[in-house]
N, C-alpha and C. Protein backbone atom coordinates (compact mmCIF):
# COMPACT_ATOMS: atom_id res chain seq x y z
N MET A 1 45.24 -23.92 69.07
CA MET A 1 44.96 -23.15 70.25
C MET A 1 46.27 -22.90 70.97
N PRO A 2 46.68 -21.67 71.17
CA PRO A 2 47.95 -21.41 71.83
C PRO A 2 47.91 -21.79 73.30
N ALA A 3 49.06 -22.23 73.78
CA ALA A 3 49.16 -22.61 75.19
C ALA A 3 49.43 -21.39 76.03
N SER A 4 48.88 -21.35 77.22
CA SER A 4 49.21 -20.29 78.16
C SER A 4 49.55 -20.95 79.49
N ILE A 5 50.69 -20.62 79.99
CA ILE A 5 51.16 -21.17 81.25
C ILE A 5 51.09 -20.05 82.28
N PRO A 6 50.47 -20.29 83.44
CA PRO A 6 50.37 -19.23 84.44
C PRO A 6 51.76 -18.74 84.85
N ALA A 7 51.90 -17.44 84.99
CA ALA A 7 53.18 -16.86 85.39
C ALA A 7 53.38 -16.99 86.89
N VAL A 8 54.58 -17.26 87.28
CA VAL A 8 54.96 -17.30 88.69
C VAL A 8 56.10 -16.32 88.84
N ALA A 9 55.87 -15.21 89.50
CA ALA A 9 56.87 -14.15 89.65
C ALA A 9 57.37 -13.69 88.28
N GLY A 10 56.45 -13.47 87.35
CA GLY A 10 56.82 -13.00 86.02
C GLY A 10 56.72 -14.12 84.99
N PRO A 11 56.80 -13.77 83.71
CA PRO A 11 56.70 -14.78 82.66
C PRO A 11 57.85 -15.79 82.72
N ARG A 12 57.54 -17.05 82.46
CA ARG A 12 58.54 -18.12 82.42
C ARG A 12 58.20 -19.04 81.26
N SER A 13 59.21 -19.63 80.67
CA SER A 13 58.98 -20.63 79.65
C SER A 13 58.83 -21.99 80.33
N ILE A 14 58.26 -22.95 79.61
CA ILE A 14 58.14 -24.30 80.16
C ILE A 14 59.54 -24.90 80.21
N ARG A 15 59.99 -25.23 81.37
CA ARG A 15 61.31 -25.82 81.55
C ARG A 15 61.33 -26.57 82.87
N ARG A 16 62.37 -27.35 83.06
CA ARG A 16 62.52 -28.04 84.34
C ARG A 16 63.04 -27.07 85.37
N TRP A 17 62.49 -27.15 86.56
CA TRP A 17 62.97 -26.34 87.65
C TRP A 17 64.11 -27.09 88.34
N PRO A 18 65.04 -26.38 88.96
CA PRO A 18 66.16 -27.05 89.64
C PRO A 18 65.67 -28.10 90.62
N GLY A 19 66.31 -29.26 90.60
CA GLY A 19 65.95 -30.33 91.53
C GLY A 19 64.78 -31.17 91.07
N LYS A 20 64.19 -30.86 89.94
CA LYS A 20 63.06 -31.63 89.41
C LYS A 20 63.55 -32.50 88.26
N SER A 21 62.91 -33.63 88.03
CA SER A 21 63.32 -34.51 86.95
C SER A 21 62.09 -34.94 86.15
N GLY A 22 62.34 -35.53 85.00
CA GLY A 22 61.25 -35.98 84.16
C GLY A 22 61.69 -37.13 83.27
N SER A 23 60.73 -37.71 82.58
CA SER A 23 61.04 -38.81 81.67
C SER A 23 59.99 -38.87 80.57
N ALA A 24 60.35 -39.55 79.47
CA ALA A 24 59.43 -39.74 78.36
C ALA A 24 59.68 -41.11 77.75
N ASN A 25 58.62 -41.80 77.37
CA ASN A 25 58.72 -43.12 76.75
C ASN A 25 57.71 -43.22 75.62
N GLY A 26 58.05 -44.04 74.62
CA GLY A 26 57.11 -44.28 73.53
C GLY A 26 57.82 -44.65 72.25
N LEU A 27 57.06 -44.67 71.17
CA LEU A 27 57.57 -45.04 69.86
C LEU A 27 57.18 -44.00 68.83
N ALA A 28 58.02 -43.91 67.78
CA ALA A 28 57.71 -43.06 66.63
C ALA A 28 58.11 -43.82 65.38
N GLY A 29 57.32 -43.70 64.34
CA GLY A 29 57.64 -44.37 63.08
C GLY A 29 56.99 -43.65 61.92
N GLY A 30 57.62 -43.70 60.79
CA GLY A 30 57.07 -43.03 59.62
C GLY A 30 57.94 -43.24 58.41
N GLY A 31 58.03 -42.25 57.57
CA GLY A 31 58.82 -42.39 56.37
C GLY A 31 59.33 -41.06 55.86
N GLN A 32 60.17 -41.15 54.86
CA GLN A 32 60.70 -39.95 54.25
C GLN A 32 60.78 -40.12 52.75
N SER A 33 60.75 -39.01 52.07
CA SER A 33 60.83 -39.03 50.62
C SER A 33 61.55 -37.77 50.16
N GLY A 34 62.23 -37.86 49.05
CA GLY A 34 62.92 -36.68 48.54
C GLY A 34 63.46 -36.93 47.16
N CYS A 35 63.98 -35.90 46.56
CA CYS A 35 64.60 -36.04 45.26
C CYS A 35 65.65 -34.95 45.08
N ASP A 36 66.62 -35.23 44.24
CA ASP A 36 67.68 -34.30 43.88
C ASP A 36 67.65 -34.09 42.38
N ARG A 37 68.04 -32.92 41.95
CA ARG A 37 68.12 -32.60 40.52
C ARG A 37 69.50 -32.01 40.26
N GLN A 38 70.22 -32.60 39.31
CA GLN A 38 71.56 -32.13 39.00
C GLN A 38 71.59 -31.50 37.62
N GLY A 39 72.24 -30.34 37.54
CA GLY A 39 72.45 -29.65 36.27
C GLY A 39 73.91 -29.24 36.19
N GLY A 40 74.69 -29.93 35.37
CA GLY A 40 76.13 -29.67 35.33
C GLY A 40 76.75 -30.07 36.65
N ARG A 41 77.43 -29.15 37.29
CA ARG A 41 78.05 -29.42 38.59
C ARG A 41 77.16 -28.98 39.77
N TRP A 42 76.02 -28.39 39.50
CA TRP A 42 75.12 -27.89 40.56
C TRP A 42 74.04 -28.92 40.88
N LEU A 43 73.63 -28.94 42.13
CA LEU A 43 72.60 -29.87 42.59
C LEU A 43 71.62 -29.12 43.49
N ILE A 44 70.34 -29.38 43.34
CA ILE A 44 69.32 -28.89 44.26
C ILE A 44 68.45 -30.08 44.65
N GLY A 45 67.88 -30.04 45.85
CA GLY A 45 67.05 -31.15 46.30
C GLY A 45 66.07 -30.73 47.37
N ILE A 46 65.10 -31.60 47.61
CA ILE A 46 64.09 -31.39 48.64
C ILE A 46 63.83 -32.73 49.31
N GLN A 47 63.52 -32.69 50.61
CA GLN A 47 63.23 -33.91 51.36
C GLN A 47 62.14 -33.61 52.39
N ALA A 48 61.21 -34.54 52.55
CA ALA A 48 60.14 -34.42 53.54
C ALA A 48 60.12 -35.68 54.39
N MET A 49 59.85 -35.53 55.67
CA MET A 49 59.76 -36.65 56.59
C MET A 49 58.51 -36.47 57.46
N ALA A 50 57.79 -37.54 57.67
CA ALA A 50 56.61 -37.51 58.55
C ALA A 50 56.61 -38.75 59.42
N ASP A 51 56.41 -38.55 60.71
CA ASP A 51 56.34 -39.65 61.68
C ASP A 51 55.08 -39.51 62.51
N PHE A 52 54.45 -40.63 62.77
CA PHE A 52 53.38 -40.68 63.76
C PHE A 52 54.02 -41.19 65.04
N ALA A 53 53.59 -40.66 66.15
CA ALA A 53 54.27 -40.98 67.40
C ALA A 53 53.27 -41.20 68.52
N SER A 54 53.74 -41.89 69.52
CA SER A 54 53.02 -42.03 70.78
C SER A 54 54.08 -41.98 71.88
N VAL A 55 54.49 -40.76 72.19
CA VAL A 55 55.53 -40.54 73.20
C VAL A 55 54.93 -39.73 74.33
N ASP A 56 54.87 -40.32 75.51
CA ASP A 56 54.32 -39.67 76.69
C ASP A 56 55.44 -39.32 77.65
N GLY A 57 55.39 -38.12 78.18
CA GLY A 57 56.40 -37.69 79.13
C GLY A 57 55.79 -36.78 80.18
N SER A 58 56.40 -36.76 81.34
CA SER A 58 55.94 -35.85 82.38
C SER A 58 57.12 -35.47 83.25
N HIS A 59 56.99 -34.32 83.88
CA HIS A 59 57.99 -33.90 84.85
C HIS A 59 57.35 -32.94 85.83
N ALA A 60 57.93 -32.93 87.02
CA ALA A 60 57.46 -32.03 88.06
C ALA A 60 57.85 -30.61 87.70
N ALA A 61 56.95 -29.68 87.93
CA ALA A 61 57.23 -28.27 87.65
C ALA A 61 57.30 -27.55 88.99
N ILE A 62 56.58 -26.46 89.10
CA ILE A 62 56.56 -25.74 90.37
C ILE A 62 55.84 -26.59 91.41
N GLU A 63 56.04 -26.30 92.65
CA GLU A 63 55.47 -27.09 93.74
C GLU A 63 53.99 -27.38 93.51
N GLY A 64 53.65 -28.65 93.55
CA GLY A 64 52.25 -29.05 93.48
C GLY A 64 51.69 -29.25 92.09
N THR A 65 52.51 -29.09 91.04
CA THR A 65 52.01 -29.32 89.69
C THR A 65 52.91 -30.27 88.94
N ASN A 66 52.33 -30.93 87.96
CA ASN A 66 53.03 -31.89 87.13
C ASN A 66 52.67 -31.60 85.68
N LEU A 67 53.67 -31.42 84.83
CA LEU A 67 53.42 -31.17 83.41
C LEU A 67 53.46 -32.49 82.66
N HIS A 68 52.48 -32.71 81.78
CA HIS A 68 52.41 -33.94 80.99
C HIS A 68 52.35 -33.56 79.51
N ASP A 69 53.22 -34.16 78.70
CA ASP A 69 53.25 -33.92 77.26
C ASP A 69 53.05 -35.23 76.53
N ASP A 70 52.28 -35.19 75.44
CA ASP A 70 52.02 -36.36 74.61
C ASP A 70 52.31 -35.96 73.16
N ILE A 71 53.44 -36.46 72.61
CA ILE A 71 53.83 -36.14 71.24
C ILE A 71 53.09 -37.09 70.30
N LYS A 72 52.33 -36.53 69.36
CA LYS A 72 51.51 -37.31 68.44
C LYS A 72 52.10 -37.43 67.04
N ALA A 73 52.83 -36.41 66.57
CA ALA A 73 53.37 -36.44 65.20
C ALA A 73 54.58 -35.52 65.10
N LEU A 74 55.48 -35.87 64.18
CA LEU A 74 56.67 -35.07 63.88
C LEU A 74 56.78 -34.95 62.37
N ALA A 75 57.29 -33.81 61.89
CA ALA A 75 57.48 -33.64 60.45
C ALA A 75 58.64 -32.68 60.20
N THR A 76 59.34 -32.90 59.09
CA THR A 76 60.38 -31.98 58.66
C THR A 76 60.27 -31.76 57.15
N LEU A 77 60.73 -30.61 56.72
CA LEU A 77 60.82 -30.30 55.30
C LEU A 77 62.14 -29.57 55.10
N THR A 78 63.02 -30.13 54.27
CA THR A 78 64.33 -29.53 54.06
C THR A 78 64.63 -29.41 52.58
N GLY A 79 65.51 -28.49 52.28
CA GLY A 79 66.01 -28.32 50.92
C GLY A 79 67.53 -28.25 50.97
N ARG A 80 68.16 -28.60 49.89
CA ARG A 80 69.62 -28.50 49.86
C ARG A 80 70.07 -28.01 48.50
N ALA A 81 71.22 -27.37 48.50
CA ALA A 81 71.86 -26.90 47.28
C ALA A 81 73.34 -27.23 47.40
N GLY A 82 73.91 -27.74 46.32
CA GLY A 82 75.31 -28.15 46.39
C GLY A 82 76.05 -27.98 45.09
N TYR A 83 77.34 -28.22 45.19
CA TYR A 83 78.23 -28.10 44.04
C TYR A 83 79.14 -29.32 44.02
N LEU A 84 79.25 -29.95 42.86
CA LEU A 84 80.08 -31.14 42.67
C LEU A 84 81.50 -30.68 42.30
N PHE A 85 82.40 -30.72 43.29
CA PHE A 85 83.78 -30.28 43.06
C PHE A 85 84.56 -31.28 42.22
N SER A 86 84.28 -32.55 42.42
CA SER A 86 84.87 -33.63 41.63
C SER A 86 83.88 -34.80 41.68
N PRO A 87 84.09 -35.86 40.91
CA PRO A 87 83.13 -36.97 40.97
C PRO A 87 82.98 -37.59 42.37
N GLU A 88 83.97 -37.38 43.24
CA GLU A 88 83.92 -37.96 44.59
C GLU A 88 83.57 -36.95 45.68
N VAL A 89 83.52 -35.66 45.35
CA VAL A 89 83.34 -34.64 46.39
C VAL A 89 82.17 -33.73 46.05
N LEU A 90 81.13 -33.78 46.89
CA LEU A 90 79.96 -32.90 46.77
C LEU A 90 79.89 -32.05 48.04
N GLY A 91 79.95 -30.76 47.88
CA GLY A 91 79.72 -29.86 49.01
C GLY A 91 78.31 -29.31 48.91
N TYR A 92 77.61 -29.22 50.04
CA TYR A 92 76.24 -28.71 49.99
C TYR A 92 75.85 -28.06 51.30
N ILE A 93 74.82 -27.24 51.25
CA ILE A 93 74.18 -26.69 52.44
C ILE A 93 72.76 -27.22 52.48
N LYS A 94 72.26 -27.40 53.69
CA LYS A 94 70.91 -27.94 53.88
C LYS A 94 70.21 -27.11 54.93
N ALA A 95 68.97 -26.75 54.68
CA ALA A 95 68.19 -25.95 55.63
C ALA A 95 66.73 -26.39 55.55
N GLY A 96 66.00 -26.13 56.61
CA GLY A 96 64.59 -26.51 56.61
C GLY A 96 63.93 -26.21 57.93
N GLY A 97 62.77 -26.81 58.11
CA GLY A 97 61.99 -26.60 59.32
C GLY A 97 61.48 -27.93 59.87
N ALA A 98 61.10 -27.88 61.14
CA ALA A 98 60.57 -29.07 61.81
C ALA A 98 59.31 -28.67 62.59
N TRP A 99 58.36 -29.59 62.64
CA TRP A 99 57.10 -29.36 63.33
C TRP A 99 56.77 -30.57 64.19
N ALA A 100 56.02 -30.33 65.26
CA ALA A 100 55.56 -31.42 66.12
C ALA A 100 54.14 -31.13 66.57
N ARG A 101 53.35 -32.17 66.71
CA ARG A 101 52.02 -32.05 67.30
C ARG A 101 52.12 -32.60 68.71
N VAL A 102 51.90 -31.73 69.69
CA VAL A 102 52.07 -32.09 71.10
C VAL A 102 50.82 -31.68 71.87
N ASN A 103 50.28 -32.60 72.63
CA ASN A 103 49.20 -32.28 73.56
C ASN A 103 49.83 -32.12 74.94
N SER A 104 49.57 -30.99 75.59
CA SER A 104 50.16 -30.71 76.90
C SER A 104 49.07 -30.46 77.92
N SER A 105 49.34 -30.88 79.15
CA SER A 105 48.41 -30.60 80.25
C SER A 105 49.21 -30.33 81.51
N ASN A 106 48.60 -29.58 82.39
CA ASN A 106 49.21 -29.18 83.64
C ASN A 106 48.31 -29.72 84.75
N LEU A 107 48.80 -30.66 85.55
CA LEU A 107 47.99 -31.31 86.58
C LEU A 107 48.42 -30.86 87.97
N SER A 108 47.45 -30.70 88.84
CA SER A 108 47.76 -30.39 90.24
C SER A 108 48.17 -31.67 90.95
N ALA A 109 48.68 -31.53 92.16
CA ALA A 109 49.14 -32.69 92.93
C ALA A 109 48.02 -33.70 93.13
N GLY A 110 46.78 -33.26 93.19
CA GLY A 110 45.65 -34.16 93.38
C GLY A 110 45.17 -34.80 92.09
N GLY A 111 45.79 -34.50 90.97
CA GLY A 111 45.39 -35.09 89.69
C GLY A 111 44.34 -34.30 88.95
N PHE A 112 43.99 -33.10 89.44
CA PHE A 112 42.99 -32.28 88.77
C PHE A 112 43.62 -31.50 87.63
N LEU A 113 42.92 -31.42 86.50
CA LEU A 113 43.42 -30.71 85.33
C LEU A 113 43.35 -29.22 85.59
N ILE A 114 44.51 -28.55 85.52
CA ILE A 114 44.55 -27.10 85.68
C ILE A 114 44.36 -26.43 84.33
N GLU A 115 45.10 -26.93 83.32
CA GLU A 115 44.96 -26.36 81.99
C GLU A 115 45.49 -27.35 80.98
N SER A 116 44.99 -27.26 79.74
CA SER A 116 45.37 -28.19 78.69
C SER A 116 45.52 -27.40 77.39
N ALA A 117 46.45 -27.83 76.55
CA ALA A 117 46.66 -27.15 75.26
C ALA A 117 47.16 -28.13 74.24
N GLN A 118 46.85 -27.87 73.00
CA GLN A 118 47.39 -28.65 71.89
C GLN A 118 48.28 -27.72 71.11
N LEU A 119 49.57 -28.07 70.99
CA LEU A 119 50.55 -27.22 70.31
C LEU A 119 50.88 -27.79 68.96
């Protein structure tokens, strides 16, 4: 479900407003796996990482509202390609993507839920 944040004087992204602060605390843990394949001096590889998390954070936004985020999971998938210049020197490039599961909510000063989204 896509998140929609009410616009204030035009569209704005979720960010900290000047003079506002925030914090986040929690733990994340998981694992990673990957493999490389070498043919002559060329190397290709793939790696995946998955973490389960419980990281809660909040920060003040516009006057009277508080944004709360709860990170539940993180994942990455990367690939690499390289060339073995000598037995001691491997040059490579690595690229990939990252994903996160985040539950977000926007609370009024009185603690009432204004809107909630899962990203």
